[in-house]
Amino acid sequence: MAVYGGRLNPGIRELKEQWYKPDQNTADFVVLFPGVAEYPGFTQERAVLAAFGNAARTYRLGSYTVLVWNRNLLSKLS
């Protein structure tokens, strides 16, 4: 994911349209990670919360933050 114009957008490796169809798939979490040399990471928690509202649960595992909701987030993406 990336943030452009204040909105969440798929990154170059996340462009398969069928992945974002809420009637075919479910996504109820977002993983935030500061990145490593091979991968820039994604740390835009404020943008994620603006798009999906407050998470039901938050887990912190080392450098990772996992935000979890009790609903399919794909239905909130256009």
Protein backbone atom coordinates (compact mmCIF):
# COMPACT_ATOMS: atom_id res chain seq x y z
CA MET A 1 0.00 0.00 0.00
CA ALA A 2 0.96 3.59 -0.51
CA VAL A 3 -0.70 6.89 0.31
CA TYR A 4 -1.34 9.29 -2.58
CA GLY A 5 -3.51 12.34 -2.21
CA GLY A 6 -4.39 11.28 1.32
CA ARG A 7 -5.87 7.98 0.10
CA LEU A 8 -4.65 4.40 0.35
CA ASN A 9 -3.64 2.95 -3.00
CA PRO A 10 -2.20 -0.41 -4.00
CA GLY A 11 1.53 -0.52 -4.57
CA ILE A 12 3.08 -1.82 -7.77
CA ARG A 13 3.12 -5.40 -6.43
CA GLU A 14 -0.52 -5.23 -5.36
CA LEU A 15 -2.31 -4.57 -8.63
CA LYS A 16 -4.46 -7.65 -9.23
CA GLU A 17 -7.96 -6.23 -9.34
CA GLN A 18 -9.56 -9.53 -8.27
CA TRP A 19 -7.78 -9.31 -4.88
CA TYR A 20 -9.88 -6.26 -3.96
CA LYS A 21 -13.34 -7.73 -4.65
CA PRO A 22 -15.10 -8.05 -1.28
CA ASP A 23 -17.51 -10.68 -2.62
CA GLN A 24 -14.55 -12.95 -3.45
CA ASN A 25 -11.97 -12.14 -0.76
CA THR A 26 -11.67 -11.02 2.83
CA ALA A 27 -9.11 -8.72 4.41
CA ASP A 28 -9.58 -7.78 8.05
CA PHE A 29 -6.07 -6.68 9.01
CA VAL A 30 -3.27 -4.32 7.97
CA VAL A 31 0.40 -4.88 8.80
CA LEU A 32 2.60 -1.85 9.41
CA PHE A 33 6.37 -2.30 9.14
CA PRO A 34 9.18 0.26 8.90
CA GLY A 35 10.91 -1.72 6.15
CA VAL A 36 14.28 -3.21 5.32
CA ALA A 37 16.76 -2.62 2.49
CA GLU A 38 14.82 -4.82 0.02
CA TYR A 39 11.38 -3.49 0.98
CA PRO A 40 10.55 0.09 1.95
CA GLY A 41 7.81 -0.95 4.36
CA PHE A 42 4.55 0.76 5.19
CA THR A 43 4.05 2.88 8.31
CA GLN A 44 1.07 5.09 7.42
CA GLU A 45 -1.09 4.19 10.42
CA ARG A 46 -2.91 7.53 10.34
CA ALA A 47 -3.99 6.96 6.72
CA VAL A 48 -5.11 3.40 7.50
CA LEU A 49 -7.23 4.56 10.44
CA ALA A 50 -8.69 7.40 8.35
CA ALA A 51 -9.71 4.87 5.67
CA PHE A 52 -11.03 2.09 7.91
CA GLY A 53 -11.76 3.62 11.33
CA ASN A 54 -10.35 2.42 14.61
CA ALA A 55 -9.08 -1.15 14.73
CA ALA A 56 -10.78 -3.62 17.06
CA ARG A 57 -7.38 -4.96 18.15
CA THR A 58 -3.74 -3.96 17.76
CA TYR A 59 -0.82 -6.34 18.10
CA ARG A 60 2.84 -5.37 18.27
CA LEU A 61 5.32 -8.03 17.24
CA GLY A 62 8.89 -6.74 17.09
CA SER A 63 8.98 -4.10 14.34
CA TYR A 64 5.51 -5.05 13.10
CA THR A 65 2.18 -3.52 14.11
CA VAL A 66 -0.88 -5.54 13.12
CA LEU A 67 -4.22 -3.71 13.12
CA VAL A 68 -7.28 -6.00 13.08
CA TRP A 69 -10.94 -5.18 12.41
CA ASN A 70 -14.11 -7.24 12.85
CA ARG A 71 -15.19 -6.63 9.23
CA ASN A 72 -13.99 -7.01 5.66
CA LEU A 73 -11.91 -3.94 4.83
CA LEU A 74 -12.21 -4.54 1.09
CA SER A 75 -15.76 -3.18 1.14
CA LYS A 76 -14.31 0.23 2.15
CA LEU A 77 -11.98 0.43 -0.86
CA SER A 78 -13.17 1.91 -4.14
